[in-house]
């Protein structure tokens, strides 16, 4: 029995694909020749190219950089407007801030929110408020804070647990 060796024939579709790629590459090269050149910006502004040329000639080496801001920046002066500096207002001593985190009809709901707030490291108080003769509310408050920065820190902690507090500014009466 005689063994037949497989022929190393290339499939016809491979020839067509290669021929198509060669034609596309030739068209691309032709297309590049038809694209107009970009005008050189140094021809449009002769003053801009003069310092760059003199700098590259004075160094004796032209590294292909045509930047002229190295010479322009030291010569440029910028006049800034005079602005009064910010002076924070002093917080009056007789003012403090309370954060009201909720108001509930049930004392148990108010206590539950107080416990949730305690897990954030804040101390909350529940106050019983009578609006009318038979209408009682339980108000949950955090504070008082004498500085706004500490109050803002407490607000951040409350917002992290989805409680949007109401800021109440109270002026203490001086005797």
Foldseek 3Di string as FASTA:
>chain_A
DDDDDDDPDDDPVVVVVVVVVVVVVVVVVVVVVPDDDDDDVCVVPVVQQVVQVVVCVVVVHDPPDRHDVVVVVVVDDDDDDDDDDDDDDDQDPQKWKKWWQDKAQDPVVLVVVQVVLVVLVFHKDWDWDDPDPPRIIIIIMTDTGRDVVVVVVSQVSCVVVPTHIDMDMDGHDDD
